[in-house]
Protein backbone atom coordinates (compact mmCIF):
# COMPACT_ATOMS: atom_id res chain seq x y z
CA MET A 1 -14.77 -21.50 -43.30
CA LEU A 2 -14.87 -20.56 -39.64
CA SER A 3 -17.39 -18.11 -38.34
CA LEU A 4 -16.28 -14.88 -36.75
CA ARG A 5 -17.17 -16.21 -33.32
CA GLN A 6 -15.08 -19.38 -33.78
CA SER A 7 -12.15 -17.31 -35.05
CA LEU A 8 -12.32 -15.03 -32.03
CA VAL A 9 -12.53 -17.96 -29.62
CA ARG A 10 -9.46 -19.52 -31.21
CA ALA A 11 -7.65 -16.19 -31.19
CA THR A 12 -8.26 -15.75 -27.45
CA ARG A 13 -6.52 -19.03 -26.78
CA SER A 14 -3.33 -17.70 -28.30
CA MET A 15 -3.58 -14.12 -26.98
CA PRO A 16 -0.88 -13.32 -24.45
CA THR A 17 -2.88 -10.85 -22.40
CA ARG A 18 -5.76 -11.10 -20.04
CA LEU A 19 -6.99 -7.72 -21.25
CA ALA A 20 -7.32 -8.89 -24.84
CA ALA A 21 -9.11 -12.05 -23.70
CA ARG A 22 -11.58 -9.96 -21.72
CA GLN A 23 -12.19 -7.68 -24.68
CA VAL A 24 -12.93 -10.65 -26.92
CA ALA A 25 -15.18 -12.21 -24.27
CA ILE A 26 -17.10 -8.96 -24.00
CA ARG A 27 -17.22 -8.77 -27.78
CA LEU A 28 -18.57 -12.33 -27.98
CA GLN A 29 -21.20 -11.59 -25.34
CA SER A 30 -22.34 -8.46 -27.11
CA THR A 31 -22.35 -10.27 -30.47
CA ALA A 32 -24.37 -13.13 -29.01
CA ALA A 33 -26.81 -10.69 -27.41
CA ALA A 34 -27.17 -8.80 -30.67
CA ALA A 35 -27.79 -12.02 -32.59
CA ALA A 36 -30.31 -13.25 -30.02
CA ALA A 37 -32.31 -10.03 -29.94
CA PRO A 38 -32.03 -8.21 -33.25
CA THR A 39 -32.97 -4.58 -33.01
CA THR A 40 -34.80 -2.67 -35.66
CA GLU A 41 -32.77 0.45 -34.86
CA SER A 42 -29.04 0.09 -35.26
CA ALA A 43 -26.56 2.89 -35.15
CA PRO A 44 -25.12 3.78 -38.55
CA VAL A 45 -21.63 2.35 -38.97
CA ASP A 46 -18.89 4.33 -40.61
CA PRO A 47 -17.94 2.67 -43.93
CA LYS A 48 -14.27 2.87 -42.97
CA ILE A 49 -14.91 0.87 -39.77
CA SER A 50 -17.13 -1.54 -41.64
CA SER A 51 -14.36 -2.31 -44.14
CA ILE A 52 -11.84 -2.81 -41.32
CA VAL A 53 -14.16 -5.25 -39.54
CA GLU A 54 -14.74 -7.12 -42.78
CA SER A 55 -10.98 -7.36 -43.40
CA ILE A 56 -10.26 -8.57 -39.87
CA SER A 57 -12.96 -11.22 -40.06
CA LYS A 58 -11.18 -12.75 -43.07
CA LEU A 59 -7.83 -13.13 -41.25
CA THR A 60 -6.41 -16.50 -40.27
CA LEU A 61 -5.44 -17.29 -36.71
CA LEU A 62 -1.75 -16.56 -37.31
CA GLU A 63 -2.57 -13.31 -39.07
CA THR A 64 -4.83 -12.34 -36.15
CA ALA A 65 -2.04 -13.02 -33.65
CA SER A 66 0.33 -10.94 -35.78
CA LEU A 67 -2.25 -8.12 -35.94
CA ILE A 68 -2.64 -8.15 -32.17
CA SER A 69 1.10 -7.98 -31.54
CA GLU A 70 1.47 -5.14 -34.07
CA LEU A 71 -1.40 -3.20 -32.46
CA LYS A 72 0.23 -3.64 -29.04
CA THR A 73 3.47 -2.27 -30.44
CA GLN A 74 1.85 0.67 -32.21
CA LEU A 75 -0.42 1.58 -29.28
CA ASN A 76 2.23 0.84 -26.63
CA ILE A 77 0.06 -1.66 -24.73
CA PRO A 78 2.04 -3.71 -22.17
CA ASP A 79 1.76 -7.49 -21.99
CA ILE A 80 -0.01 -8.86 -18.95
CA ALA A 81 0.86 -12.42 -18.03
CA LEU A 82 -1.98 -14.92 -17.83
CA PRO A 83 -2.03 -17.39 -14.97
CA ALA A 84 -0.75 -20.80 -16.00
CA ALA A 85 -3.58 -23.03 -17.10
CA GLY A 86 -3.59 -26.76 -17.86
CA ALA A 87 -2.38 -27.95 -21.23
CA ALA A 88 -2.03 -25.37 -23.98
CA PRO A 89 -4.27 -25.85 -27.01
CA ALA A 90 -2.59 -27.51 -29.97
CA ALA A 91 -3.58 -24.68 -32.34
CA ALA A 92 -1.62 -22.12 -30.32
CA ALA A 93 1.71 -23.97 -30.62
CA PRO A 94 2.59 -22.85 -34.18
CA ALA A 95 1.73 -19.24 -33.37
CA ALA A 96 3.93 -19.29 -30.29
CA GLU A 97 6.83 -20.75 -32.26
CA GLU A 98 6.59 -18.03 -34.91
CA GLU A 99 6.28 -15.19 -32.40
CA ALA A 100 9.19 -16.34 -30.17
CA PRO A 101 12.02 -14.97 -32.37
CA ALA A 102 10.22 -11.64 -32.76
CA LYS A 103 9.76 -11.27 -28.99
CA GLU A 104 13.42 -12.08 -28.32
CA ALA A 105 14.45 -9.35 -30.73
CA GLN A 106 12.08 -6.79 -29.17
CA GLU A 107 12.57 -7.49 -25.47
CA GLU A 108 15.69 -6.35 -23.71
CA LYS A 109 16.13 -7.40 -20.11
CA THR A 110 15.45 -4.48 -17.77
CA ILE A 111 15.25 -6.19 -14.36
CA PHE A 112 18.33 -7.89 -12.95
CA SER A 113 19.60 -9.83 -9.96
CA ILE A 114 23.00 -8.72 -8.71
CA LYS A 115 25.22 -11.60 -7.67
CA LEU A 116 28.45 -11.21 -5.71
CA GLU A 117 30.68 -13.86 -7.27
CA SER A 118 33.98 -13.32 -5.44
CA PHE A 119 36.25 -10.61 -4.09
CA ASP A 120 39.86 -9.70 -3.56
CA ALA A 121 41.00 -10.51 -0.01
CA LYS A 122 42.65 -7.08 0.35
CA SER A 123 39.42 -5.28 -0.46
CA LYS A 124 37.18 -7.35 1.84
CA PRO A 125 36.61 -4.57 4.45
CA LYS A 126 35.56 -2.07 1.78
CA ILE A 127 33.17 -4.58 0.19
CA ILE A 128 31.67 -5.43 3.60
CA LYS A 129 31.02 -1.71 4.22
CA GLU A 130 29.40 -1.30 0.80
CA VAL A 131 27.19 -4.39 1.28
CA LYS A 132 26.24 -3.10 4.74
CA GLY A 133 25.06 0.17 3.18
CA LEU A 134 23.26 -1.50 0.26
CA LEU A 135 21.34 -4.07 2.29
CA ASP A 136 20.95 -2.21 5.60
CA LEU A 137 22.60 -5.06 7.51
CA SER A 138 24.67 -4.98 10.66
CA LEU A 139 28.44 -5.25 10.32
CA VAL A 140 28.42 -8.89 11.44
CA GLU A 141 25.62 -9.82 9.01
CA SER A 142 27.41 -8.01 6.18
CA LYS A 143 30.63 -9.88 6.92
CA LYS A 144 28.83 -13.24 6.90
CA PHE A 145 27.07 -12.30 3.67
CA VAL A 146 30.29 -11.35 1.87
CA GLU A 147 32.11 -14.45 3.12
CA ALA A 148 29.28 -16.63 1.78
CA ALA A 149 30.02 -15.50 -1.82
CA PRO A 150 28.89 -16.40 -4.43
CA LYS A 151 25.53 -15.09 -3.31
CA VAL A 152 22.73 -12.95 -4.76
CA LEU A 153 23.10 -9.46 -3.41
CA LYS A 154 19.85 -7.92 -4.68
CA GLU A 155 16.98 -9.10 -6.86
CA ASN A 156 14.58 -7.23 -9.15
CA VAL A 157 16.83 -4.23 -9.66
CA ALA A 158 16.39 -1.82 -12.56
CA LYS A 159 19.09 -1.94 -15.23
CA GLU A 160 20.58 1.48 -14.43
CA ASP A 161 20.75 0.83 -10.68
CA ALA A 162 22.19 -2.65 -11.22
CA GLU A 163 24.94 -1.27 -13.44
CA LYS A 164 25.80 1.43 -10.86
CA ILE A 165 26.01 -1.10 -8.03
CA LYS A 166 28.08 -3.45 -10.18
CA ALA A 167 30.50 -0.67 -11.12
CA THR A 168 30.86 0.42 -7.48
CA LEU A 169 31.59 -3.08 -6.22
CA GLU A 170 33.95 -3.86 -9.09
CA ALA A 171 35.87 -0.64 -8.34
CA LEU A 172 36.34 -1.96 -4.80
CA GLY A 173 37.72 -5.28 -6.06
CA ALA A 174 34.68 -7.56 -6.20
CA LYS A 175 33.54 -9.72 -9.08
CA VAL A 176 29.85 -9.11 -9.70
CA SER A 177 27.49 -10.55 -12.29
CA LEU A 178 24.06 -9.42 -13.43
CA GLU A 179 21.52 -12.15 -14.05
């Protein structure tokens, strides 16, 4: 059976957030310090908290990952991407495979790139004017931009704004896609 420390170290390898990794690292440091220098006076621990800690310490790695994701959902804690490191540990692969379908179901794309695919030749002047206003380009630059279609019009646009821009351009006779 793994010790609590080993379980926490393994859990940090599969945690998707830097914040959670820091919390565990701090927890490990404080646990190590407490083990190295036992104090005669310890603060009384609420029995409710004690039972929770005991239950968590008995969880497997997959159960711990599931607990973390459920806590993030319940407490509305956003995910923070970790910088890419070398090879991923082998133990984290099964957890990632099991969590992937759940994340796909939860996450809905909210940031889009607006791509001008094509346009109707009759509506070209109107589209050039609209692109000029959207991108703050000169008339010549706007014309070159529109004629270079298909081309990405804007990147990192919120869903609502992207849909408004798409609807406006499509009303003018352009074919626009959101990516």
